[in-house]
Amino acid sequence: MYNSEVRGRLITGDKSLGQISQEIIAPIHAKTPPWWYGAILIGLIMFGIGAYSIYITLTKGLGTWGLNSSVAWGWDIINFVWWIGIGHAGTAFSIFLLILRQKWRTAINRAAEAMTVIAVFCASLFPLLHMGRPWLFFYIFPYPNTRGPLWVNFNSPLFWDFVAISAYLLISASFWYFGMLPDFATIRDTAKSKIKKTVYGIAAFGWTGSSREWLRFEGLSFVLGGIAAVLVVSVHSIVSTDFAVSVEPGWHTTIFPPYFVVGAIFSGFAMVLTLVVTMRGLYNMNDFITDSHIDAVCRVLVFISLIMGTAYMTEIFMAWYSGSEYEMYMFFRNRIFGDYAFQFWAMFISNALVPQLFWFKSMRRRIWVVFIISIIINIGMWYERYNIIVTSLSRDYLPSSWTSYSPTLIEIGFFVGTLGMFITGVLLFFRYIPMIAISELKSVAKFDKPRKEQLKHTDHE
């Protein structure tokens, strides 16, 4: 059980259950703040840049990207893996912390789940465009067709990615949406506008809060959670296998599946931290997203950072211990001290060293420091994907095929567009959906009181 006397209160202000509901749904009923319009305008402009880049790519082809015969994967796959990693945080918060009975997850899991759905949508655009003819994407569906006995290649990593990502998106979206049914009903019952009552009433699927509905709701949550827990591990393991099944220097290693899974959770938790700090500041949610919540996420990040640093050192050690001149060249003369030294050290410092500041309580209690470090971690994780993909492809076994890679404005614009899509989706989430799971937060309100108050309340019952 969460000990509030040791780890701090999860809900401050001594709020009643009614106050919790009112304050969480207050931003939905309140007038839209001016900053929201400015922020969503920026997001839509960025999304427009991405839409234009997609249009150019579709009309003129992949020649508008900086890819070549050696570096066939560039910013598209880098950003695909980066977004997929960010999308791992929602299910990790909702499932793993639920299994570990971590009560502090209740104020953060809704935002993490929303972030997951939006990030997976952003990620899916990159392999779709990279196919060259995205209108033929259904060719990778495993079905017999009228063109003859033509089936997909079940050995292809592209097919693995499609199955894993589509399943992950479906389960994540379902888990997120069904978890909001009680909250939609709360908004329906408190809304004064007929339009809001109708819209949120439809979204609530006629939820009444009966005992039978709560039993089915909890049963469905456990079923979807169990499926999602498997997908958290399998999705990024499959993405890592896209690389590990090859014989490229720097890729042919068995450490990739656990390395990618841990890295995905690391970047996802960092983005969750960025999101909840922003949410806490803009909507004055200090009573619900307390210093104890921020402190808990920081502790998780410093632990995972140690794992990431160990993984980096293991890769370097194995390259030296293997005695393979190709592996040694890749790590020592290409990444650490070579042409891509900046990218390597940006990755190493951002992911393995900077998060160690969270060992100090004074750093974990300074919100602006926490926010900056969360941004640095996500930048470092982007450089990690750059190191893995570009460095290995640009320097393979044949020096005659060595080449350099740099993204074009179209590739950069495409990435900017997905950032705009993410920003827009998050802002819409802030505006129209309860940012915190009301029903789950109420479940910890009783146990969040000091021990004496809990015993007094229990005796009274």
Protein backbone atom coordinates (compact mmCIF):
# COMPACT_ATOMS: atom_id res chain seq x y z
CA MET A 1 0.00 0.00 0.00
CA TYR A 2 1.19 3.53 -0.78
CA ASN A 3 2.45 5.16 2.42
CA SER A 4 1.60 8.85 2.12
CA GLU A 5 3.47 9.69 5.33
CA VAL A 6 6.74 8.49 3.80
CA ARG A 7 6.38 9.25 0.09
CA GLY A 8 4.11 12.28 0.23
CA ARG A 9 0.44 12.97 -0.47
CA LEU A 10 -0.98 12.11 -3.89
CA ILE A 11 -3.92 14.51 -3.52
CA THR A 12 -3.41 17.73 -1.61
CA GLY A 13 -5.96 20.23 -0.37
CA ASP A 14 -8.15 17.78 1.59
CA LYS A 15 -10.67 17.54 -1.24
CA SER A 16 -13.96 15.70 -1.14
CA LEU A 17 -14.96 13.30 -3.90
CA GLY A 18 -17.27 15.92 -5.35
CA GLN A 19 -14.48 18.50 -5.45
CA ILE A 20 -12.22 16.05 -7.29
CA SER A 21 -14.80 15.61 -10.05
CA GLN A 22 -15.55 19.32 -10.33
CA GLU A 23 -11.93 20.47 -10.53
CA ILE A 24 -10.83 17.86 -13.05
CA ILE A 25 -13.69 18.53 -15.49
CA ALA A 26 -13.61 22.30 -14.90
CA PRO A 27 -11.32 22.98 -17.93
CA ILE A 28 -13.86 21.24 -20.19
CA HIS A 29 -16.77 23.41 -19.06
CA ALA A 30 -14.69 26.60 -18.81
CA LYS A 31 -14.04 29.05 -21.61
CA THR A 32 -11.14 28.17 -23.87
CA PRO A 33 -8.03 30.13 -22.76
CA PRO A 34 -6.30 32.40 -25.32
CA TRP A 35 -2.99 30.51 -25.12
CA TRP A 36 -4.79 27.37 -26.35
CA TYR A 37 -5.72 29.02 -29.63
CA GLY A 38 -2.17 30.25 -30.14
CA ALA A 39 -0.69 26.85 -29.38
CA ILE A 40 -3.06 24.94 -31.64
CA LEU A 41 -2.40 27.45 -34.42
CA ILE A 42 1.31 26.65 -34.17
CA GLY A 43 0.50 22.93 -34.18
CA LEU A 44 -1.72 23.28 -37.26
CA ILE A 45 0.94 25.28 -39.11
CA MET A 46 3.49 22.56 -38.38
CA PHE A 47 0.96 19.94 -39.46
CA GLY A 48 0.42 21.90 -42.70
CA ILE A 49 4.16 21.83 -43.39
CA GLY A 50 4.07 18.06 -42.94
CA ALA A 51 1.03 17.71 -45.21
CA TYR A 52 2.82 19.67 -47.94
CA SER A 53 5.90 17.46 -47.54
CA ILE A 54 3.71 14.36 -47.87
CA TYR A 55 2.11 15.83 -51.00
CA ILE A 56 5.52 16.43 -52.58
CA THR A 57 6.61 12.91 -51.65
CA LEU A 58 3.51 11.36 -53.20
CA THR A 59 3.64 13.39 -56.41
CA LYS A 60 7.40 13.33 -57.03
CA GLY A 61 8.50 10.16 -55.26
CA LEU A 62 11.08 9.19 -52.67
CA GLY A 63 13.76 10.93 -54.71
CA THR A 64 12.80 14.07 -52.81
CA TRP A 65 14.29 12.45 -49.71
CA GLY A 66 18.01 12.20 -49.01
CA LEU A 67 18.11 8.41 -49.25
CA ASN A 68 20.60 6.62 -51.47
CA SER A 69 21.56 3.07 -52.39
CA SER A 70 23.59 2.62 -49.20
CA VAL A 71 21.54 4.59 -46.66
CA ALA A 72 18.10 3.33 -47.70
CA TRP A 73 16.75 4.13 -44.22
CA GLY A 74 17.08 7.69 -43.02
CA TRP A 75 14.95 10.13 -41.09
CA ASP A 76 11.85 8.14 -41.94
CA ILE A 77 12.84 5.02 -39.97
CA ILE A 78 14.66 7.06 -37.31
CA ASN A 79 11.49 9.00 -36.57
CA PHE A 80 9.34 5.89 -36.89
CA VAL A 81 11.27 4.09 -34.16
CA TRP A 82 11.40 7.28 -32.06
CA TRP A 83 7.63 7.78 -32.15
CA ILE A 84 6.97 4.10 -31.46
CA GLY A 85 9.22 4.39 -28.41
CA ILE A 86 7.29 7.39 -27.12
CA GLY A 87 4.08 5.45 -27.63
CA HIS A 88 5.17 2.77 -25.16
CA ALA A 89 4.63 4.88 -22.08
CA GLY A 90 0.84 4.71 -21.96
CA THR A 91 0.54 0.97 -21.62
CA ALA A 92 3.59 0.81 -19.38
CA PHE A 93 1.94 3.24 -16.97
CA SER A 94 -1.46 1.62 -17.20
CA ILE A 95 -0.43 -2.02 -16.99
CA PHE A 96 2.97 -2.49 -15.35
CA LEU A 97 2.38 0.07 -12.62
CA LEU A 98 -1.10 -1.35 -12.08
CA ILE A 99 0.37 -4.83 -11.59
CA LEU A 100 2.95 -3.41 -9.19
CA ARG A 101 0.13 -1.64 -7.29
CA GLN A 102 1.64 1.81 -7.71
CA LYS A 103 -1.11 4.21 -6.64
CA TRP A 104 0.69 7.26 -8.01
CA ARG A 105 -0.07 6.18 -11.58
CA THR A 106 -3.73 7.24 -11.26
CA ALA A 107 -3.05 10.94 -11.91
CA ILE A 108 -0.80 10.31 -14.91
CA ASN A 109 -2.04 7.25 -16.77
CA ARG A 110 -4.80 9.06 -18.73
CA ALA A 111 -2.32 11.51 -20.25
CA ALA A 112 0.14 8.70 -20.94
CA GLU A 113 -2.51 6.64 -22.74
CA ALA A 114 -3.57 9.63 -24.86
CA MET A 115 0.05 10.26 -25.75
CA THR A 116 0.41 6.62 -26.78
CA VAL A 117 -2.44 6.71 -29.28
CA ILE A 118 -1.29 9.99 -30.86
CA ALA A 119 2.36 8.88 -31.04
CA VAL A 120 1.51 5.56 -32.70
CA PHE A 121 -0.53 7.41 -35.31
CA CYS A 122 2.49 9.65 -36.00
CA ALA A 123 4.79 6.63 -36.21
CA SER A 124 2.59 4.75 -38.67
CA LEU A 125 2.94 7.50 -41.30
CA PHE A 126 6.66 6.95 -41.80
CA PRO A 127 6.74 3.30 -42.98
CA LEU A 128 3.57 3.99 -44.99
CA LEU A 129 5.30 6.76 -46.97
CA HIS A 130 8.56 4.82 -47.13
CA MET A 131 6.81 2.06 -49.09
CA GLY A 132 6.94 4.37 -52.11
CA ARG A 133 3.41 3.46 -53.23
CA PRO A 134 1.35 3.82 -50.06
CA TRP A 135 -1.92 3.30 -51.93
CA LEU A 136 -0.85 -0.36 -52.29
CA PHE A 137 -0.31 -0.81 -48.55
CA PHE A 138 -2.97 -3.54 -48.46
CA TYR A 139 -0.46 -5.81 -50.25
CA ILE A 140 0.98 -6.63 -46.84
CA PHE A 141 -2.36 -7.85 -45.50
CA PRO A 142 -2.27 -11.64 -45.03
CA TYR A 143 -5.15 -12.59 -47.30
CA PRO A 144 -5.52 -14.57 -50.56
CA ASN A 145 -6.50 -12.36 -53.47
CA THR A 146 -7.76 -12.45 -57.03
CA ARG A 147 -4.29 -11.90 -58.48
CA GLY A 148 -3.48 -15.54 -57.91
CA PRO A 149 -1.91 -17.46 -55.05
CA LEU A 150 -0.06 -14.34 -53.89
CA TRP A 151 0.57 -14.17 -50.15
CA VAL A 152 2.72 -11.83 -48.15
CA ASN A 153 6.24 -12.81 -47.21
CA PHE A 154 5.83 -13.93 -43.62
CA ASN A 155 9.61 -13.68 -43.16
CA SER A 156 9.56 -9.96 -43.94
CA PRO A 157 10.11 -7.53 -41.03
CA LEU A 158 7.74 -5.17 -42.83
CA PHE A 159 4.92 -7.64 -42.27
CA TRP A 160 5.94 -8.08 -38.62
CA ASP A 161 5.84 -4.31 -38.14
CA PHE A 162 2.42 -4.02 -39.70
CA VAL A 163 0.89 -6.73 -37.53
CA ALA A 164 2.54 -5.49 -34.32
CA ILE A 165 1.78 -1.79 -34.79
CA SER A 166 -1.81 -2.25 -35.96
CA ALA A 167 -2.53 -4.57 -33.02
CA TYR A 168 -0.83 -2.20 -30.59
CA LEU A 169 -2.77 0.80 -31.92
CA LEU A 170 -6.09 -1.07 -31.70
CA ILE A 171 -5.51 -2.29 -28.13
CA SER A 172 -4.09 1.03 -26.90
CA ALA A 173 -6.96 3.04 -28.37
CA SER A 174 -9.53 0.61 -26.96
CA PHE A 175 -7.94 0.60 -23.51
CA TRP A 176 -7.77 4.40 -23.50
CA TYR A 177 -11.33 4.93 -24.72
CA PHE A 178 -13.10 2.39 -22.56
CA GLY A 179 -11.29 3.74 -19.51
CA MET A 180 -12.93 7.12 -20.14
CA LEU A 181 -16.56 5.91 -20.13
CA PRO A 182 -17.25 6.78 -16.44
CA ASP A 183 -15.69 10.22 -16.91
CA PHE A 184 -17.70 10.91 -20.07
CA ALA A 185 -20.82 10.08 -18.07
CA THR A 186 -19.75 12.54 -15.37
CA ILE A 187 -19.35 15.31 -17.96
CA ARG A 188 -22.73 14.37 -19.48
CA ASP A 189 -24.43 14.66 -16.13
CA THR A 190 -22.84 18.01 -15.24
CA ALA A 191 -22.98 19.72 -18.65
CA LYS A 192 -25.44 22.56 -19.09
CA SER A 193 -25.28 22.67 -22.88
CA LYS A 194 -27.57 20.28 -24.75
CA ILE A 195 -24.89 19.72 -27.38
CA LYS A 196 -22.37 18.67 -24.75
CA LYS A 197 -24.91 16.43 -23.06
CA THR A 198 -25.64 14.72 -26.35
CA VAL A 199 -22.03 14.35 -27.49
CA TYR A 200 -20.67 13.09 -24.19
CA GLY A 201 -23.79 10.96 -23.67
CA ILE A 202 -23.11 9.16 -26.95
CA ALA A 203 -19.43 8.80 -26.03
CA ALA A 204 -20.38 7.34 -22.62
CA PHE A 205 -22.38 4.51 -24.25
CA GLY A 206 -25.24 5.05 -21.80
CA TRP A 207 -23.09 4.53 -18.71
CA THR A 208 -25.14 4.65 -15.50
CA GLY A 209 -22.57 3.48 -12.95
CA SER A 210 -24.45 0.39 -11.80
CA SER A 211 -22.65 -2.44 -10.02
CA ARG A 212 -23.01 -4.70 -13.06
CA GLU A 213 -21.42 -2.05 -15.31
CA TRP A 214 -18.50 -1.57 -12.91
CA LEU A 215 -17.88 -5.32 -12.77
CA ARG A 216 -17.85 -5.58 -16.56
CA PHE A 217 -15.76 -2.44 -16.81
CA GLU A 218 -13.09 -3.83 -14.48
CA GLY A 219 -13.16 -7.21 -16.25
CA LEU A 220 -12.67 -5.58 -19.65
CA SER A 221 -9.83 -3.45 -18.26
CA PHE A 222 -7.97 -6.55 -17.08
CA VAL A 223 -8.48 -8.36 -20.40
CA LEU A 224 -7.29 -5.42 -22.52
CA GLY A 225 -4.50 -4.76 -20.04
CA GLY A 226 -3.26 -8.33 -20.26
CA ILE A 227 -3.13 -8.14 -24.06
CA ALA A 228 -1.47 -4.74 -23.99
CA ALA A 229 1.19 -5.94 -21.53
CA VAL A 230 2.31 -8.55 -24.06
CA LEU A 231 2.28 -6.02 -26.89
CA VAL A 232 4.47 -3.57 -24.95
CA VAL A 233 7.28 -6.12 -25.04
CA SER A 234 6.56 -7.62 -28.46
CA VAL A 235 6.13 -4.45 -30.53
CA HIS A 236 9.54 -2.95 -29.92
CA SER A 237 11.15 -6.38 -29.89
CA ILE A 238 9.82 -6.83 -33.42
CA VAL A 239 11.03 -3.37 -34.42
CA SER A 240 14.49 -4.23 -33.07
CA THR A 241 14.48 -7.50 -35.00
CA ASP A 242 14.21 -5.47 -38.21
CA PHE A 243 17.82 -4.59 -37.49
CA ALA A 244 19.12 -7.62 -35.61
CA VAL A 245 18.26 -10.15 -38.35
CA SER A 246 20.73 -8.44 -40.68
CA VAL A 247 24.52 -8.83 -40.73
CA GLU A 248 25.33 -5.11 -40.82
CA PRO A 249 28.11 -4.04 -38.43
CA GLY A 250 26.54 -2.65 -35.26
CA TRP A 251 23.21 -4.38 -35.88
CA HIS A 252 23.88 -8.11 -35.68
CA THR A 253 23.48 -8.46 -31.91
CA THR A 254 21.13 -10.28 -29.55
CA ILE A 255 20.98 -7.34 -27.12
CA PHE A 256 18.68 -5.38 -29.43
CA PRO A 257 15.23 -6.68 -28.28
CA PRO A 258 15.61 -5.89 -24.56
CA TYR A 259 17.69 -2.83 -25.41
CA PHE A 260 14.95 -1.42 -27.65
CA VAL A 261 12.15 -2.23 -25.19
CA VAL A 262 13.90 -0.52 -22.29
CA GLY A 263 14.82 2.43 -24.50
CA ALA A 264 11.21 2.79 -25.64
CA ILE A 265 9.94 2.87 -22.06
CA PHE A 266 12.72 5.35 -21.20
CA SER A 267 11.76 7.82 -23.95
CA GLY A 268 8.07 7.27 -23.25
CA PHE A 269 8.39 8.04 -19.56
CA ALA A 270 10.41 11.16 -20.41
CA MET A 271 7.68 12.39 -22.75
CA VAL A 272 5.06 11.64 -20.09
CA LEU A 273 7.07 13.79 -17.70
CA THR A 274 7.15 16.61 -20.25
CA LEU A 275 3.41 16.30 -20.76
CA VAL A 276 2.33 16.17 -17.10
CA VAL A 277 4.62 19.05 -16.11
CA THR A 278 3.05 21.12 -18.91
CA MET A 279 -0.45 20.01 -17.90
CA ARG A 280 0.21 20.80 -14.25
CA GLY A 281 1.46 24.30 -15.04
CA LEU A 282 -1.14 25.32 -17.62
CA TYR A 283 -4.21 24.02 -15.79
CA ASN A 284 -3.07 24.48 -12.17
CA MET A 285 -3.33 20.76 -11.39
CA ASN A 286 -0.82 20.96 -8.52
CA ASP A 287 -3.27 19.35 -6.11
CA PHE A 288 -3.60 16.24 -8.27
CA ILE A 289 -0.19 16.08 -10.03
CA THR A 290 1.88 16.65 -6.93
CA ASP A 291 5.61 16.73 -6.29
CA SER A 292 5.27 13.10 -5.22
CA HIS A 293 4.12 12.12 -8.73
CA ILE A 294 6.98 13.99 -10.37
CA ASP A 295 9.41 12.48 -7.89
CA ALA A 296 8.18 8.95 -8.66
CA VAL A 297 8.63 9.34 -12.43
CA CYS A 298 12.10 10.82 -11.92
CA ARG A 299 13.08 7.81 -9.81
CA VAL A 300 11.94 5.47 -12.58
CA LEU A 301 13.92 7.46 -15.16
CA VAL A 302 17.15 7.38 -13.20
CA PHE A 303 16.82 3.61 -12.82
CA ILE A 304 16.18 3.07 -16.54
CA SER A 305 19.02 5.46 -17.37
CA LEU A 306 21.41 3.10 -15.57
CA ILE A 307 20.12 0.24 -17.72
CA MET A 308 20.63 2.32 -20.87
CA GLY A 309 24.18 3.20 -19.85
CA THR A 310 24.89 -0.47 -19.16
CA ALA A 311 23.52 -1.37 -22.61
CA TYR A 312 25.75 1.21 -24.30
CA MET A 313 28.83 -0.08 -22.47
CA THR A 314 27.88 -3.69 -23.24
CA GLU A 315 27.71 -2.92 -26.96
CA ILE A 316 31.13 -1.29 -26.87
CA PHE A 317 32.64 -4.12 -24.82
CA MET A 318 31.24 -6.83 -27.10
CA ALA A 319 32.53 -5.02 -30.19
CA TRP A 320 36.02 -5.10 -28.67
CA TYR A 321 35.73 -8.60 -27.19
CA SER A 322 34.44 -10.10 -30.44
CA GLY A 323 37.70 -9.34 -32.22
CA SER A 324 35.75 -8.44 -35.36
CA GLU A 325 37.49 -5.62 -37.16
CA TYR A 326 34.19 -4.53 -38.67
CA GLU A 327 32.48 -4.19 -35.30
CA MET A 328 35.48 -2.44 -33.80
CA TYR A 329 35.60 0.00 -36.69
CA MET A 330 31.90 0.72 -36.40
CA PHE A 331 31.97 1.52 -32.69
CA PHE A 332 35.41 3.07 -32.20
CA ARG A 333 36.39 4.68 -35.49
CA ASN A 334 32.95 5.54 -36.79
CA ARG A 335 30.82 6.35 -33.75
CA ILE A 336 32.96 7.15 -30.70
CA PHE A 337 35.90 8.89 -32.38
CA GLY A 338 34.78 9.11 -36.01
CA ASP A 339 32.48 11.07 -38.28
CA TYR A 340 29.49 10.48 -36.03
CA ALA A 341 31.17 11.22 -32.71
CA PHE A 342 28.87 14.16 -32.01
CA GLN A 343 25.77 11.99 -32.43
CA PHE A 344 27.23 9.24 -30.25
CA TRP A 345 28.23 11.50 -27.37
CA ALA A 346 24.97 13.45 -27.58
CA MET A 347 23.20 10.12 -27.13
CA PHE A 348 25.46 8.88 -24.34
CA ILE A 349 25.51 12.10 -22.32
CA SER A 350 21.77 12.76 -22.71
CA ASN A 351 20.62 9.24 -21.83
CA ALA A 352 23.23 7.82 -19.49
CA LEU A 353 24.70 10.83 -17.66
CA VAL A 354 22.25 13.75 -17.51
CA PRO A 355 19.41 11.72 -15.87
CA GLN A 356 21.76 10.88 -12.99
CA LEU A 357 20.96 14.36 -11.68
CA PHE A 358 17.71 12.83 -10.48
CA TRP A 359 19.64 11.10 -7.70
CA PHE A 360 19.46 14.45 -5.91
CA LYS A 361 16.13 15.32 -4.33
CA SER A 362 16.74 19.02 -4.92
CA MET A 363 16.82 18.34 -8.68
CA ARG A 364 13.64 16.26 -8.58
CA ARG A 365 11.81 19.04 -6.72
CA ARG A 366 12.71 21.78 -9.23
CA ILE A 367 10.04 21.55 -11.91
CA TRP A 368 11.95 23.57 -14.50
CA VAL A 369 14.98 21.27 -14.12
CA VAL A 370 12.76 18.20 -14.47
CA PHE A 371 11.15 19.65 -17.60
CA ILE A 372 14.50 20.44 -19.25
CA ILE A 373 15.96 17.02 -18.46
CA SER A 374 12.88 15.29 -19.90
CA ILE A 375 13.41 17.19 -23.16
CA ILE A 376 17.12 16.31 -23.17
CA ILE A 377 16.29 12.62 -22.75
CA ASN A 378 14.00 12.63 -25.77
CA ILE A 379 16.63 14.42 -27.84
CA GLY A 380 19.16 11.82 -26.72
CA MET A 381 16.83 8.98 -27.64
CA TRP A 382 16.40 10.49 -31.12
CA TYR A 383 20.18 10.54 -31.51
CA GLU A 384 20.28 6.91 -30.37
CA ARG A 385 18.07 5.90 -33.29
CA TYR A 386 20.20 8.05 -35.61
CA ASN A 387 23.35 6.29 -34.39
CA ILE A 388 21.89 2.85 -34.90
CA ILE A 389 20.50 3.44 -38.37
CA VAL A 390 22.68 5.91 -40.25
CA THR A 391 26.12 4.98 -38.92
CA SER A 392 25.74 1.29 -39.78
CA LEU A 393 24.29 1.87 -43.24
CA SER A 394 26.74 4.59 -44.27
CA ARG A 395 29.80 2.44 -43.39
CA ASP A 396 29.18 -1.19 -44.27
CA TYR A 397 31.60 -3.96 -45.30
CA LEU A 398 32.53 -2.44 -48.67
CA PRO A 399 34.42 0.89 -48.55
CA SER A 400 33.47 1.43 -52.18
CA SER A 401 29.81 1.80 -51.13
CA TRP A 402 30.50 4.16 -48.22
CA THR A 403 28.50 7.33 -48.46
CA SER A 404 27.15 10.16 -46.37
CA TYR A 405 23.55 10.99 -45.61
CA SER A 406 21.78 14.23 -44.85
CA PRO A 407 18.02 14.83 -44.79
CA THR A 408 16.30 17.07 -47.29
CA LEU A 409 13.84 19.82 -46.42
CA ILE A 410 11.02 17.45 -47.40
CA GLU A 411 12.13 14.88 -44.81
CA ILE A 412 12.53 17.56 -42.17
CA GLY A 413 9.13 19.00 -43.06
CA PHE A 414 7.55 15.56 -42.74
CA PHE A 415 8.97 15.18 -39.22
CA VAL A 416 7.86 18.71 -38.30
CA GLY A 417 4.39 17.74 -39.50
CA THR A 418 4.22 14.77 -37.13
CA LEU A 419 5.33 17.04 -34.27
CA GLY A 420 2.48 19.38 -35.21
CA MET A 421 0.10 16.43 -35.32
CA PHE A 422 1.23 15.41 -31.84
CA ILE A 423 0.89 18.94 -30.45
CA THR A 424 -2.57 19.34 -31.97
CA GLY A 425 -3.73 15.98 -30.64
CA VAL A 426 -2.46 16.74 -27.14
CA LEU A 427 -4.16 20.16 -27.12
CA LEU A 428 -7.47 18.63 -28.19
CA PHE A 429 -7.04 16.08 -25.42
CA PHE A 430 -6.46 18.89 -22.90
CA ARG A 431 -9.58 20.71 -24.07
CA TYR A 432 -12.23 18.03 -24.50
CA ILE A 433 -11.23 15.01 -22.39
CA PRO A 434 -10.64 14.79 -18.61
CA MET A 435 -6.86 14.93 -18.26
CA ILE A 436 -6.94 12.73 -15.16
CA ALA A 437 -8.98 9.57 -14.65
CA ILE A 438 -11.59 10.76 -12.14
CA SER A 439 -12.81 7.33 -11.04
CA GLU A 440 -9.28 6.01 -10.52
CA LEU A 441 -8.19 9.10 -8.64
CA LYS A 442 -11.13 8.76 -6.29
CA SER A 443 -10.12 5.18 -5.56
CA VAL A 444 -6.87 6.37 -3.96
CA ALA A 445 -8.35 9.38 -2.17
CA LYS A 446 -9.23 7.35 0.92
CA PHE A 447 -5.81 5.72 1.20
CA ASP A 448 -3.95 8.95 0.53
CA LYS A 449 -4.75 10.32 3.97
CA PRO A 450 -2.29 10.04 6.83
CA ARG A 451 -2.38 6.73 8.70
CA LYS A 452 -4.28 8.11 11.70
CA GLU A 453 -7.04 9.48 9.51
CA GLN A 454 -7.31 6.16 7.64
CA LEU A 455 -7.74 4.21 10.88
CA LYS A 456 -10.26 6.73 12.18
CA HIS A 457 -12.24 6.52 8.93
CA THR A 458 -12.16 2.71 9.04
CA ASP A 459 -13.40 2.60 12.65
CA HIS A 460 -16.19 4.99 11.75
CA GLU A 461 -17.32 2.69 8.92
